[in-house]
Amino acid sequence: MKKYVIVFVSLFFVFACSSDFLDRKPLSQIASSSVFEDESLANAFLNNVVGRLPSGQYNSPGGGYGNNYLLASITDEARAKSGWIPANNVIINGSLRPTNHGGLNIWSEAYRAIREANQYIEGAEASMFTDEFKASTTAQARFVRAWFYFDLVRRYGAVPLITAVQTLEDDLFVSRTPVAQIYDFINNELTAIASILPNKSEAQTGELTRQAAIALNARAMLYDKRYAESAALANQLITGSANDGLELYGANPANAEEAINNYKNLFLSEGGNIETVYEQLFLAPDRIHQFDEGNWPVRWRNDRGGQTDPTQELVDAYEMENGLPITDAASGYDPADPYTGRDPRFYASIFYHGSEFSEVLPSRGEPFIDMEWNAFNEGPGTRRDGNASITGYLVRKFVDPSLGFAPGRLGKTAWQEIRFAEVLLIFAEAENESNGPTAAVYDAVNRIRARAAIPALPAGLSQSEMRDRIRHERRIELVFENHRWFDLIRWDEARTVLNATFNGIRIERNGIPTAADGGPTHVFDPAQLTFTTFEITNRVSNFPDAYMLLPIPQGEIDKNPNLRPQNPGYE
């Protein structure tokens, strides 16, 4: 990955020292023939192209993920704390427009990356470089181009398919290409380059690989409902020759505590985890993200934070440790002690009242998250710290204790865009849709559940029942990883799930004086507390029918009228 973060300007100065440098054409003309006369310059150009690939953390490089909020905040996973962010003042209140995408727009960034990828591909292919160099480097550019076409088509539907460098002599008013043709292109491109890119075991950490191309293709075919193709692609990475050592991190925990630590530590990887298929790396201080600064609990930082607040609906979706939902009378769930005996992934993903965060000393008091109502700590209330949670929960997944108190602009954990766990879930969903709940479907889902130290799925599920279980497993396993918004849309469930109010938790002392009245500073014993839910009335979610696709940006339509008609509901 180090080669992906080389700054092009640095190479400018390196080559400026050579005697013939001043005879070269300006490097600002990136696609000029001079760039493709020198492998180092060509690699520098390619690194910039690959560097366009986005990452999904809070305030990460690259657009389309909200940037200053996690996509979780526009789903049933979480609510965003601050009223000023686009998750609240544009998306969830139904105000998304062609002139305001609320941070979801990727159009200009995607087509800039596609244009540069096309420039590199044509320049390299016309060069005198070796065939091996041409093949390996253009494969990376083709991956970038395929990635952005996938991200475009899942957001906007039909978009212009441009695979050659445009000149002023060309017709620049390109029309939109049908969705099926875009997915055909993605499939053909990723199939072709999968035989060229290196295996993960042979590549540098963070480098684009054969496994990344296959996995992205499997995901794209799942979105296009080409289930047999998706299942076959995913299975290449599970049981086929393309597996190349991919495995779940901490696949066989000895107990629930080990399962918690394995799942938590997976998301503290700075690159090269056995489970990671495709990732974006961060090398501080040159390239960082701000997840920790924006999402840590209030008493463990000096400003900001607490931005992504999980809903009670998400918390309730976690099964008990025995694999039963909390709605099952046999589950053992106790609403008076709601955080005991839950799926280990709950403890690794969500900060709740009484969660221990002792790796970093808080600014005051015990190292436990305090979500008590009106207590001026991490929790909600009518009187509360402005940086506290509005739901009574915070995101724990991705929190990096190594940053210490007040993490600031230091985030360096990798963004794992595709994990082996997702590959297993892609296979399970696609195979179930194609052939029903086969033994292979059970095996794929149960491997994930085994890593979480919870029981396997019950035998004898129907296709419909298995579909529900797979969707549940995606919700829990991939939580906060930017899948839920797109999943609900492609399952045609978004209008049902997201036109809703969501709830938080109100935790109050049961007969114990408050700290203001001389009582203890913190109370964590459930026997001394009362837990009741409350409706988050100022974060009601609105998902109009139009939201099934994003609007084409108005500025793009103004420049190119052949992009009309606008997507439904935005005229």
Protein backbone atom coordinates (compact mmCIF):
# COMPACT_ATOMS: atom_id res chain seq x y z
CA MET A 1 0.00 0.00 0.00
CA LYS A 2 2.96 2.33 0.54
CA LYS A 3 3.26 2.81 -3.18
CA TYR A 4 -0.37 4.02 -3.26
CA VAL A 5 0.33 6.92 -0.97
CA ILE A 6 3.41 8.25 -2.76
CA VAL A 7 2.75 11.88 -3.42
CA PHE A 8 3.14 12.72 -7.08
CA VAL A 9 4.76 16.03 -6.23
CA SER A 10 7.63 14.16 -4.57
CA LEU A 11 8.42 12.45 -7.82
CA PHE A 12 8.41 15.81 -9.54
CA PHE A 13 11.39 16.86 -7.44
CA VAL A 14 13.15 13.52 -7.85
CA PHE A 15 13.05 13.77 -11.61
CA ALA A 16 13.81 17.48 -11.56
CA CYS A 17 17.31 16.51 -10.46
CA SER A 18 18.03 14.60 -13.66
CA SER A 19 19.79 16.42 -16.48
CA ASP A 20 17.11 15.75 -19.06
CA PHE A 21 14.15 16.67 -16.90
CA LEU A 22 13.73 20.17 -18.30
CA ASP A 23 13.38 18.67 -21.77
CA ARG A 24 10.24 16.80 -20.70
CA LYS A 25 6.72 18.02 -21.34
CA PRO A 26 4.94 19.57 -18.33
CA LEU A 27 3.96 16.94 -15.79
CA SER A 28 0.63 18.65 -15.38
CA GLN A 29 -0.20 17.08 -18.73
CA ILE A 30 -0.60 13.76 -16.98
CA ALA A 31 -1.57 11.76 -20.04
CA SER A 32 1.18 13.20 -22.24
CA SER A 33 3.56 10.78 -23.91
CA SER A 34 6.41 11.81 -21.60
CA VAL A 35 4.71 10.12 -18.65
CA PHE A 36 4.65 6.85 -20.56
CA GLU A 37 8.31 6.97 -21.45
CA ASP A 38 9.40 6.28 -17.87
CA GLU A 39 8.06 3.49 -15.62
CA SER A 40 8.56 5.58 -12.49
CA LEU A 41 6.48 8.43 -13.86
CA ALA A 42 3.85 6.01 -15.10
CA ASN A 43 3.71 4.35 -11.68
CA ALA A 44 3.35 7.74 -10.03
CA PHE A 45 0.41 8.53 -12.28
CA LEU A 46 -1.10 5.10 -11.55
CA ASN A 47 -0.68 5.60 -7.81
CA ASN A 48 -2.77 8.75 -8.07
CA VAL A 49 -5.45 6.80 -9.93
CA VAL A 50 -5.56 4.01 -7.37
CA GLY A 51 -5.51 6.63 -4.63
CA ARG A 52 -8.94 7.77 -5.84
CA LEU A 53 -10.52 4.67 -4.31
CA PRO A 54 -12.59 5.83 -1.35
CA SER A 55 -12.69 4.56 2.19
CA GLY A 56 -15.71 4.52 4.40
CA GLN A 57 -14.77 5.79 7.86
CA TYR A 58 -16.06 9.01 9.34
CA ASN A 59 -14.17 11.90 7.66
CA SER A 60 -12.12 9.67 5.36
CA PRO A 61 -10.67 10.58 1.97
CA GLY A 62 -13.13 10.14 -0.86
CA GLY A 63 -16.73 11.19 -1.22
CA GLY A 64 -20.03 9.39 -1.24
CA TYR A 65 -19.99 7.96 2.27
CA GLY A 66 -21.37 11.08 3.87
CA ASN A 67 -17.83 12.05 4.88
CA ASN A 68 -18.81 13.73 8.16
CA TYR A 69 -21.12 10.89 9.18
CA LEU A 70 -21.24 7.11 8.85
CA LEU A 71 -23.90 5.76 6.50
CA ALA A 72 -25.22 3.95 9.57
CA SER A 73 -26.75 7.29 10.56
CA ILE A 74 -29.21 7.25 7.66
CA THR A 75 -30.34 3.68 8.36
CA ASP A 76 -31.95 1.87 11.28
CA GLU A 77 -28.47 1.21 12.70
CA ALA A 78 -27.91 4.64 14.23
CA ARG A 79 -28.87 8.28 14.50
CA ALA A 80 -26.41 11.14 14.12
CA LYS A 81 -26.08 13.41 17.13
CA SER A 82 -25.67 16.83 15.51
CA GLY A 83 -28.48 18.59 13.71
CA TRP A 84 -26.19 20.39 11.29
CA ILE A 85 -24.80 17.36 9.50
CA PRO A 86 -26.37 16.29 6.17
CA ALA A 87 -27.52 12.96 7.61
CA ASN A 88 -30.09 14.95 9.59
CA ASN A 89 -30.80 18.13 7.64
CA VAL A 90 -30.89 16.54 4.17
CA ILE A 91 -31.18 12.75 4.11
CA ILE A 92 -33.45 11.49 6.88
CA ASN A 93 -35.90 14.38 6.57
CA GLY A 94 -36.56 13.57 2.89
CA SER A 95 -34.80 16.65 1.48
CA LEU A 96 -32.35 14.97 -0.87
CA ARG A 97 -32.41 16.89 -4.18
CA PRO A 98 -30.48 17.10 -7.47
CA THR A 99 -28.77 20.16 -6.02
CA ASN A 100 -28.06 18.64 -2.60
CA HIS A 101 -27.13 14.98 -2.12
CA GLY A 102 -26.38 15.27 1.58
CA GLY A 103 -22.86 13.90 1.15
CA LEU A 104 -23.88 10.84 -0.89
CA ASN A 105 -22.90 12.19 -4.30
CA ILE A 106 -19.90 10.55 -6.00
CA TRP A 107 -20.56 11.61 -9.61
CA SER A 108 -17.73 14.05 -10.24
CA GLU A 109 -15.18 12.12 -8.17
CA ALA A 110 -16.09 8.86 -9.88
CA TYR A 111 -15.83 10.25 -13.39
CA ARG A 112 -12.56 11.97 -12.59
CA ALA A 113 -11.16 8.61 -11.47
CA ILE A 114 -12.61 6.89 -14.55
CA ARG A 115 -11.12 9.54 -16.86
CA GLU A 116 -7.69 9.15 -15.29
CA ALA A 117 -7.98 5.34 -15.42
CA ASN A 118 -8.81 5.58 -19.13
CA GLN A 119 -5.85 7.90 -19.65
CA TYR A 120 -3.53 5.47 -17.93
CA ILE A 121 -4.83 2.42 -19.80
CA GLU A 122 -4.50 4.04 -23.22
CA GLY A 123 -1.15 5.64 -22.45
CA ALA A 124 0.37 2.45 -21.09
CA GLU A 125 -0.94 0.27 -23.89
CA ALA A 126 0.55 2.63 -26.51
CA SER A 127 3.89 2.81 -24.71
CA MET A 128 7.11 0.87 -25.19
CA PHE A 129 6.88 -0.66 -21.71
CA THR A 130 7.18 -4.42 -21.36
CA ASP A 131 4.04 -6.49 -21.82
CA GLU A 132 4.26 -7.60 -18.19
CA PHE A 133 4.39 -4.01 -16.93
CA LYS A 134 1.51 -2.99 -19.17
CA ALA A 135 -0.67 -5.90 -18.09
CA SER A 136 -0.05 -5.59 -14.35
CA THR A 137 -0.46 -1.83 -14.15
CA THR A 138 -3.44 -1.49 -16.49
CA ALA A 139 -5.16 -4.23 -14.46
CA GLN A 140 -5.01 -1.92 -11.44
CA ALA A 141 -6.45 0.98 -13.41
CA ARG A 142 -9.21 -1.30 -14.72
CA PHE A 143 -10.04 -2.32 -11.13
CA VAL A 144 -10.45 1.33 -10.19
CA ARG A 145 -12.67 1.92 -13.21
CA ALA A 146 -14.81 -1.15 -12.41
CA TRP A 147 -15.12 -0.14 -8.75
CA PHE A 148 -16.40 3.32 -9.62
CA TYR A 149 -18.85 2.02 -12.19
CA PHE A 150 -20.21 -0.35 -9.56
CA ASP A 151 -20.55 2.47 -7.05
CA LEU A 152 -22.20 4.68 -9.69
CA VAL A 153 -24.71 2.10 -10.88
CA ARG A 154 -25.84 1.10 -7.40
CA ARG A 155 -26.45 4.75 -6.53
CA TYR A 156 -27.80 6.30 -9.75
CA GLY A 157 -28.88 3.37 -11.92
CA ALA A 158 -28.09 3.96 -15.61
CA VAL A 159 -24.98 6.10 -16.07
CA PRO A 160 -22.73 6.91 -19.08
CA LEU A 161 -20.26 4.11 -19.76
CA ILE A 162 -17.06 5.79 -20.94
CA THR A 163 -14.12 3.47 -21.60
CA ALA A 164 -11.89 5.65 -23.76
CA VAL A 165 -10.20 9.02 -23.36
CA GLN A 166 -12.52 11.71 -24.67
CA THR A 167 -11.21 14.52 -26.85
CA LEU A 168 -12.79 17.73 -28.08
CA GLU A 169 -13.46 15.97 -31.37
CA ASP A 170 -15.66 13.39 -29.59
CA ASP A 171 -19.31 13.75 -28.75
CA LEU A 172 -19.01 14.79 -25.11
CA PHE A 173 -22.77 14.65 -24.53
CA VAL A 174 -22.80 10.97 -23.64
CA SER A 175 -26.12 9.32 -22.88
CA ARG A 176 -26.79 6.99 -19.98
CA THR A 177 -26.01 3.31 -20.51
CA PRO A 178 -28.60 0.76 -19.35
CA VAL A 179 -27.96 -0.82 -15.97
CA ALA A 180 -27.57 -4.33 -17.39
CA GLN A 181 -24.79 -3.19 -19.72
CA ILE A 182 -22.96 -1.48 -16.85
CA TYR A 183 -23.04 -4.69 -14.83
CA ASP A 184 -21.91 -6.68 -17.89
CA PHE A 185 -18.94 -4.34 -18.21
CA ILE A 186 -18.06 -4.69 -14.52
CA ASN A 187 -18.26 -8.47 -14.75
CA ASN A 188 -16.14 -8.67 -17.90
CA GLU A 189 -13.50 -6.28 -16.57
CA LEU A 190 -13.11 -7.92 -13.18
CA THR A 191 -13.08 -11.39 -14.73
CA ALA A 192 -10.31 -10.36 -17.10
CA ILE A 193 -8.08 -8.69 -14.53
CA ALA A 194 -8.51 -11.44 -11.92
CA SER A 195 -6.12 -13.55 -13.99
CA ILE A 196 -3.55 -10.73 -14.06
CA LEU A 197 -3.52 -9.25 -10.57
CA PRO A 198 -1.31 -10.98 -7.97
CA ASN A 199 -2.66 -13.30 -5.31
CA LYS A 200 -2.96 -11.76 -1.86
CA SER A 201 -0.12 -13.92 -0.55
CA GLU A 202 2.18 -12.55 -3.25
CA ALA A 203 1.17 -8.89 -2.99
CA GLN A 204 2.22 -6.06 -0.74
CA THR A 205 -0.18 -5.19 2.06
CA GLY A 206 -3.02 -3.11 0.65
CA GLU A 207 -2.20 -3.84 -2.98
CA LEU A 208 -5.02 -4.68 -5.38
CA THR A 209 -5.20 -8.44 -5.83
CA ARG A 210 -6.89 -11.26 -7.68
CA GLN A 211 -9.01 -11.93 -4.59
CA ALA A 212 -10.18 -8.30 -4.47
CA ALA A 213 -11.29 -8.43 -8.11
CA ILE A 214 -13.22 -11.68 -7.61
CA ALA A 215 -14.85 -10.47 -4.40
CA LEU A 216 -15.91 -7.14 -5.90
CA ASN A 217 -17.36 -9.01 -8.86
CA ALA A 218 -19.28 -11.35 -6.54
CA ARG A 219 -20.70 -8.33 -4.72
CA ALA A 220 -21.65 -6.61 -7.98
CA MET A 221 -23.38 -9.71 -9.35
CA LEU A 222 -25.31 -10.04 -6.07
CA TYR A 223 -26.56 -6.47 -6.47
CA ASP A 224 -27.62 -7.27 -10.04
CA LYS A 225 -29.45 -10.39 -8.82
CA ARG A 226 -27.28 -12.62 -10.98
CA TYR A 227 -27.27 -15.07 -8.12
CA ALA A 228 -25.70 -18.12 -9.75
CA GLU A 229 -22.77 -16.05 -11.02
CA SER A 230 -22.37 -14.32 -7.66
CA ALA A 231 -22.36 -17.61 -5.77
CA ALA A 232 -19.83 -19.15 -8.15
CA LEU A 233 -17.50 -16.16 -7.81
CA ALA A 234 -17.74 -16.09 -4.02
CA ASN A 235 -17.14 -19.84 -3.88
CA GLN A 236 -13.85 -19.40 -5.75
CA LEU A 237 -12.67 -17.56 -2.64
CA ILE A 238 -14.19 -20.05 -0.19
CA THR A 239 -13.41 -23.51 -1.53
CA GLY A 240 -11.72 -22.77 -4.85
CA SER A 241 -8.15 -22.18 -5.91
CA ALA A 242 -8.55 -18.43 -5.35
CA ASN A 243 -8.90 -18.86 -1.58
CA ASP A 244 -5.15 -18.27 -1.11
CA GLY A 245 -5.36 -18.64 2.68
CA LEU A 246 -8.35 -16.36 3.28
CA GLU A 247 -10.02 -17.17 6.59
CA LEU A 248 -12.05 -15.53 9.31
CA TYR A 249 -9.83 -13.83 11.86
CA GLY A 250 -10.08 -15.77 15.14
CA ALA A 251 -12.26 -18.37 13.45
CA ASN A 252 -12.45 -20.80 16.37
CA PRO A 253 -12.69 -18.98 19.71
CA ALA A 254 -12.50 -21.00 22.91
CA ASN A 255 -15.24 -18.97 24.59
CA ALA A 256 -17.38 -15.86 24.34
CA GLU A 257 -14.71 -13.59 25.82
CA GLU A 258 -12.22 -14.67 23.18
CA ALA A 259 -14.87 -14.15 20.50
CA ILE A 260 -15.41 -10.58 21.72
CA ASN A 261 -11.71 -9.80 21.59
CA ASN A 262 -11.25 -11.40 18.18
CA TYR A 263 -14.07 -9.40 16.61
CA LYS A 264 -12.96 -6.18 18.30
CA ASN A 265 -9.31 -6.60 17.30
CA LEU A 266 -10.22 -7.39 13.70
CA PHE A 267 -11.19 -3.75 13.24
CA LEU A 268 -8.00 -2.45 14.82
CA SER A 269 -5.95 -3.88 11.95
CA GLU A 270 -3.65 -1.42 10.22
CA GLY A 271 -3.41 -3.72 7.21
CA GLY A 272 -2.80 -7.28 6.14
CA ASN A 273 -5.34 -9.13 8.29
CA ILE A 274 -5.99 -12.72 7.21
CA GLU A 275 -9.68 -11.87 6.74
CA THR A 276 -9.20 -8.76 4.63
CA VAL A 277 -9.85 -9.09 0.91
CA TYR A 278 -9.71 -5.44 -0.14
CA GLU A 279 -8.73 -2.55 2.11
CA GLN A 280 -7.62 1.06 2.19
CA LEU A 281 -4.63 1.82 4.41
CA PHE A 282 -3.82 4.93 6.43
CA LEU A 283 -0.27 6.01 7.12
CA ALA A 284 -0.27 8.81 9.67
CA PRO A 285 0.42 11.67 9.43
CA ASP A 286 0.22 11.73 5.63
CA ARG A 287 -3.12 9.95 5.36
CA ILE A 288 -5.51 9.65 8.29
CA HIS A 289 -9.19 9.34 9.08
CA GLN A 290 -11.15 10.98 11.88
CA PHE A 291 -13.40 8.18 13.09
CA ASP A 292 -12.03 8.25 16.62
CA GLU A 293 -12.13 12.02 16.90
CA GLY A 294 -15.74 12.04 15.75
CA ASN A 295 -17.11 9.07 17.65
CA TRP A 296 -15.32 8.53 20.97
CA PRO A 297 -17.22 8.82 24.29
CA VAL A 298 -17.27 12.31 25.74
CA ARG A 299 -15.13 11.66 28.85
CA TRP A 300 -12.32 10.16 26.77
CA ARG A 301 -11.68 13.17 24.56
CA ASN A 302 -11.52 16.92 24.81
CA ASP A 303 -13.98 17.87 22.03
CA ARG A 304 -16.33 16.56 19.35
CA GLY A 305 -17.17 12.87 19.25
CA GLY A 306 -20.30 10.89 20.03
CA GLN A 307 -21.53 11.45 16.49
CA THR A 308 -22.87 7.99 15.61
CA ASP A 309 -25.44 6.76 18.12
CA PRO A 310 -26.83 3.22 17.68
CA THR A 311 -30.58 2.80 17.94
CA GLN A 312 -32.46 0.61 20.39
CA GLU A 313 -33.77 -1.25 17.35
CA LEU A 314 -30.23 -2.32 16.45
CA VAL A 315 -29.46 -3.31 20.03
CA ASP A 316 -32.63 -5.40 20.15
CA ALA A 317 -31.60 -7.17 16.93
CA TYR A 318 -28.64 -8.83 18.64
CA GLU A 319 -29.47 -12.37 19.67
CA MET A 320 -28.72 -13.84 23.04
CA GLU A 321 -25.54 -15.85 23.50
CA ASN A 322 -27.65 -19.00 23.08
CA GLY A 323 -28.54 -17.94 19.53
CA LEU A 324 -32.17 -17.05 20.24
CA PRO A 325 -33.73 -13.63 19.60
CA ILE A 326 -34.70 -11.60 22.63
CA THR A 327 -38.35 -11.97 21.61
CA ASP A 328 -38.16 -15.74 22.19
CA ALA A 329 -39.42 -16.67 25.67
CA ALA A 330 -36.73 -19.35 25.86
CA SER A 331 -33.90 -16.91 25.17
CA GLY A 332 -33.36 -15.92 28.80
CA TYR A 333 -33.51 -12.21 27.97
CA ASP A 334 -34.28 -10.01 30.96
CA PRO A 335 -35.42 -6.45 30.10
CA ALA A 336 -34.34 -5.41 33.61
CA ASP A 337 -30.81 -6.61 32.81
CA PRO A 338 -30.70 -6.07 29.04
CA TYR A 339 -26.96 -6.26 28.39
CA THR A 340 -26.19 -9.64 29.93
CA GLY A 341 -25.73 -12.78 27.85
CA ARG A 342 -25.88 -11.20 24.39
CA ASP A 343 -24.17 -12.14 21.11
CA PRO A 344 -20.45 -11.41 21.69
CA ARG A 345 -20.41 -9.10 18.67
CA PHE A 346 -22.70 -6.76 20.62
CA TYR A 347 -19.99 -6.13 23.22
CA ALA A 348 -17.35 -5.53 20.54
CA SER A 349 -19.55 -3.21 18.47
CA ILE A 350 -21.51 -0.99 20.86
CA PHE A 351 -20.72 1.08 23.93
CA TYR A 352 -23.64 0.73 26.36
CA HIS A 353 -24.19 1.66 30.00
CA GLY A 354 -21.51 -0.13 31.99
CA SER A 355 -19.22 -0.95 29.06
CA GLU A 356 -15.63 -1.00 30.18
CA PHE A 357 -13.21 1.23 28.28
CA SER A 358 -10.23 0.88 30.57
CA GLU A 359 -7.56 0.86 27.86
CA VAL A 360 -7.69 4.66 27.98
CA LEU A 361 -8.19 6.66 31.17
CA PRO A 362 -11.22 8.96 31.06
CA SER A 363 -11.04 12.58 32.09
CA ARG A 364 -12.95 11.85 35.29
CA GLY A 365 -14.43 8.90 37.14
CA GLU A 366 -14.35 5.16 36.58
CA PRO A 367 -13.37 3.78 33.15
CA PHE A 368 -16.92 2.70 32.37
CA ILE A 369 -19.36 4.21 29.91
CA ASP A 370 -22.10 6.03 31.83
CA MET A 371 -25.35 6.43 29.87
CA GLU A 372 -27.51 7.45 32.81
CA TRP A 373 -30.26 9.89 31.87
CA ASN A 374 -29.38 13.54 32.64
CA ALA A 375 -26.05 12.56 34.21
CA PHE A 376 -23.83 14.80 32.05
CA ASN A 377 -21.62 11.87 31.05
CA GLU A 378 -22.06 9.87 27.83
CA GLY A 379 -25.83 9.53 27.95
CA PRO A 380 -28.96 11.35 26.77
CA GLY A 381 -31.47 13.44 28.64
CA THR A 382 -33.24 16.76 28.74
CA ARG A 383 -30.05 18.11 30.34
CA ARG A 384 -26.92 16.61 28.81
CA ASP A 385 -23.44 17.25 27.58
CA GLY A 386 -23.67 18.48 24.00
CA ASN A 387 -21.18 15.82 22.87
CA ALA A 388 -23.03 12.93 24.50
CA SER A 389 -25.10 10.23 22.81
CA ILE A 390 -28.70 11.01 21.98
CA THR A 391 -29.74 7.32 22.08
CA GLY A 392 -27.88 5.93 25.08
CA TYR A 393 -25.40 4.05 22.91
CA LEU A 394 -22.19 4.76 21.00
CA VAL A 395 -20.18 2.89 18.37
CA ARG A 396 -17.39 0.78 19.83
CA LYS A 397 -16.45 -0.99 16.60
CA PHE A 398 -13.37 0.69 15.04
CA VAL A 399 -12.44 2.53 18.28
CA ASP A 400 -8.63 2.47 18.50
CA PRO A 401 -7.43 2.70 22.14
CA SER A 402 -3.79 3.04 21.02
CA LEU A 403 -4.50 6.68 20.17
CA GLY A 404 -4.88 7.55 23.85
CA PHE A 405 -6.94 10.32 25.40
CA ALA A 406 -8.33 12.94 22.99
CA PRO A 407 -7.49 11.05 19.78
CA GLY A 408 -7.65 14.05 17.45
CA ARG A 409 -6.81 13.70 13.76
CA LEU A 410 -4.81 10.51 14.17
CA GLY A 411 -6.93 7.62 12.85
CA LYS A 412 -4.71 4.96 11.25
CA THR A 413 -6.72 1.73 11.28
CA ALA A 414 -7.41 0.27 7.84
CA TRP A 415 -10.78 0.51 6.15
CA GLN A 416 -11.64 -3.09 5.26
CA GLU A 417 -13.97 -2.59 2.33
CA ILE A 418 -14.40 -6.32 1.66
CA ARG A 419 -13.85 -8.98 4.31
CA PHE A 420 -13.97 -12.74 4.01
CA ALA A 421 -17.04 -12.67 6.26
CA GLU A 422 -18.85 -10.65 3.60
CA VAL A 423 -17.72 -13.14 0.94
CA LEU A 424 -19.31 -15.94 2.99
CA LEU A 425 -22.52 -13.92 3.30
CA ILE A 426 -22.53 -13.07 -0.41
CA PHE A 427 -22.24 -16.77 -1.19
CA ALA A 428 -24.93 -17.72 1.32
CA GLU A 429 -27.41 -15.18 -0.03
CA ALA A 430 -26.73 -15.89 -3.70
CA GLU A 431 -26.72 -19.68 -3.28
CA ASN A 432 -29.93 -19.59 -1.24
CA GLU A 433 -31.64 -17.52 -3.92
CA SER A 434 -30.39 -19.90 -6.62
CA ASN A 435 -30.76 -23.30 -4.98
CA GLY A 436 -32.38 -22.84 -1.61
CA PRO A 437 -30.84 -23.57 1.81
CA THR A 438 -28.24 -26.11 0.76
CA ALA A 439 -25.63 -27.53 3.11
CA ALA A 440 -23.13 -25.05 1.67
CA VAL A 441 -25.40 -22.14 2.65
CA TYR A 442 -25.63 -23.44 6.21
CA ASP A 443 -21.86 -23.90 6.33
CA ALA A 444 -21.13 -20.35 5.16
CA VAL A 445 -23.41 -18.72 7.73
CA ASN A 446 -22.42 -21.08 10.54
CA ARG A 447 -18.73 -20.30 10.06
CA ILE A 448 -19.51 -16.68 10.90
CA ARG A 449 -21.67 -17.65 13.86
CA ALA A 450 -18.95 -19.99 15.14
CA ARG A 451 -16.46 -17.12 15.09
CA ALA A 452 -18.96 -15.21 17.21
CA ALA A 453 -19.28 -18.18 19.61
CA ILE A 454 -23.03 -18.51 19.11
CA PRO A 455 -24.90 -21.66 18.08
CA ALA A 456 -25.36 -22.75 14.48
CA LEU A 457 -28.58 -22.12 12.60
CA PRO A 458 -31.37 -24.61 13.26
CA ALA A 459 -31.82 -27.33 10.66
CA GLY A 460 -34.81 -27.50 8.35
CA LEU A 461 -35.16 -23.83 7.41
CA SER A 462 -37.18 -23.01 4.30
CA GLN A 463 -35.70 -20.78 1.61
CA SER A 464 -37.68 -17.83 2.96
CA GLU A 465 -36.62 -18.52 6.54
CA MET A 466 -33.00 -18.85 5.47
CA ARG A 467 -33.29 -15.58 3.56
CA ASP A 468 -34.38 -13.86 6.77
CA ARG A 469 -31.54 -15.44 8.74
CA ILE A 470 -28.93 -14.37 6.16
CA ARG A 471 -30.26 -10.82 6.15
CA HIS A 472 -30.14 -10.79 9.93
CA GLU A 473 -26.56 -12.07 9.89
CA ARG A 474 -25.52 -9.33 7.45
CA ARG A 475 -27.12 -6.74 9.73
CA ILE A 476 -25.11 -7.90 12.74
CA GLU A 477 -21.82 -9.05 11.22
CA LEU A 478 -21.41 -6.05 8.88
CA VAL A 479 -22.85 -3.41 11.19
CA PHE A 480 -21.53 0.15 10.67
CA GLU A 481 -19.61 -0.95 7.56
CA ASN A 482 -21.84 1.00 5.12
CA HIS A 483 -23.80 -1.98 3.80
CA ARG A 484 -27.18 -1.49 5.44
CA TRP A 485 -28.37 1.48 3.33
CA PHE A 486 -27.63 -0.36 0.08
CA ASP A 487 -28.91 -3.70 1.39
CA LEU A 488 -32.30 -2.30 2.38
CA ILE A 489 -32.64 -0.67 -1.04
CA ARG A 490 -31.69 -3.75 -3.06
CA TRP A 491 -34.00 -5.95 -0.91
CA ASP A 492 -36.80 -3.41 -1.46
CA GLU A 493 -37.18 -3.06 2.30
CA ALA A 494 -35.96 0.52 2.69
CA ARG A 495 -39.38 2.14 2.36
CA THR A 496 -40.74 -0.10 5.10
CA VAL A 497 -37.79 -0.04 7.49
CA LEU A 498 -36.69 3.58 7.11
CA ASN A 499 -40.02 5.39 7.14
CA ALA A 500 -40.03 5.13 10.90
CA THR A 501 -39.24 6.58 14.26
CA PHE A 502 -36.40 5.05 16.24
CA ASN A 503 -35.76 4.70 19.93
CA GLY A 504 -33.10 5.15 22.54
CA ILE A 505 -32.71 3.91 26.12
CA ARG A 506 -33.55 5.93 29.24
CA ILE A 507 -31.61 4.64 32.26
CA GLU A 508 -32.56 6.01 35.68
CA ARG A 509 -31.68 5.16 39.26
CA ASN A 510 -34.12 3.03 41.17
CA GLY A 511 -34.26 4.45 44.70
CA ILE A 512 -30.63 5.62 44.67
CA PRO A 513 -29.93 9.36 45.14
CA THR A 514 -28.45 11.12 42.15
CA ALA A 515 -24.89 12.42 42.28
CA ALA A 516 -26.31 15.95 42.62
CA ASP A 517 -28.18 14.80 45.73
CA GLY A 518 -25.14 13.21 47.33
CA GLY A 519 -25.45 9.77 45.76
CA PRO A 520 -22.66 7.87 43.98
CA THR A 521 -21.17 9.32 40.83
CA HIS A 522 -21.98 6.24 38.77
CA VAL A 523 -24.42 3.37 39.21
CA PHE A 524 -23.97 0.29 37.00
CA ASP A 525 -25.78 -2.46 38.92
CA PRO A 526 -28.93 -3.31 36.88
CA ALA A 527 -30.79 -4.08 40.12
CA GLN A 528 -30.48 -0.40 41.04
CA LEU A 529 -31.58 0.89 37.63
CA THR A 530 -34.71 1.17 35.52
CA PHE A 531 -34.48 0.76 31.74
CA THR A 532 -37.19 2.26 29.53
CA THR A 533 -37.15 3.14 25.84
CA PHE A 534 -37.96 6.56 24.48
CA GLU A 535 -38.73 7.79 20.98
CA ILE A 536 -36.12 10.00 19.31
CA THR A 537 -38.64 12.52 18.06
CA ASN A 538 -36.17 14.94 16.44
CA ARG A 539 -34.53 12.23 14.30
CA VAL A 540 -37.56 10.71 12.57
CA SER A 541 -36.56 8.95 9.35
CA ASN A 542 -38.21 9.70 6.03
CA PHE A 543 -37.44 7.51 2.98
CA PRO A 544 -39.43 8.70 -0.06
CA ASP A 545 -39.90 6.38 -3.04
CA ALA A 546 -37.42 8.54 -4.99
CA TYR A 547 -34.60 7.50 -2.65
CA MET A 548 -34.38 4.10 -4.34
CA LEU A 549 -31.94 5.94 -6.62
CA LEU A 550 -29.97 9.12 -6.04
CA PRO A 551 -30.74 12.06 -8.31
CA ILE A 552 -28.35 12.84 -11.14
CA PRO A 553 -26.58 16.03 -9.99
CA GLN A 554 -28.30 19.05 -11.50
CA GLY A 555 -25.00 20.58 -12.54
CA GLU A 556 -24.22 17.51 -14.64
CA ILE A 557 -27.61 17.62 -16.37
CA ASP A 558 -27.13 21.32 -17.06
CA LYS A 559 -23.84 20.50 -18.80
CA ASN A 560 -25.13 17.40 -20.58
CA PRO A 561 -28.87 17.33 -21.39
CA ASN A 562 -28.48 13.76 -22.70
CA LEU A 563 -28.39 12.63 -19.07
CA ARG A 564 -32.13 13.22 -18.99
CA PRO A 565 -34.56 11.98 -17.93
CA GLN A 566 -33.75 12.67 -14.30
CA ASN A 567 -34.28 9.74 -11.95
CA PRO A 568 -37.92 9.35 -10.85
CA GLY A 569 -39.20 11.68 -8.17
CA TYR A 570 -36.61 14.43 -8.58
CA GLU A 571 -37.99 16.49 -11.46
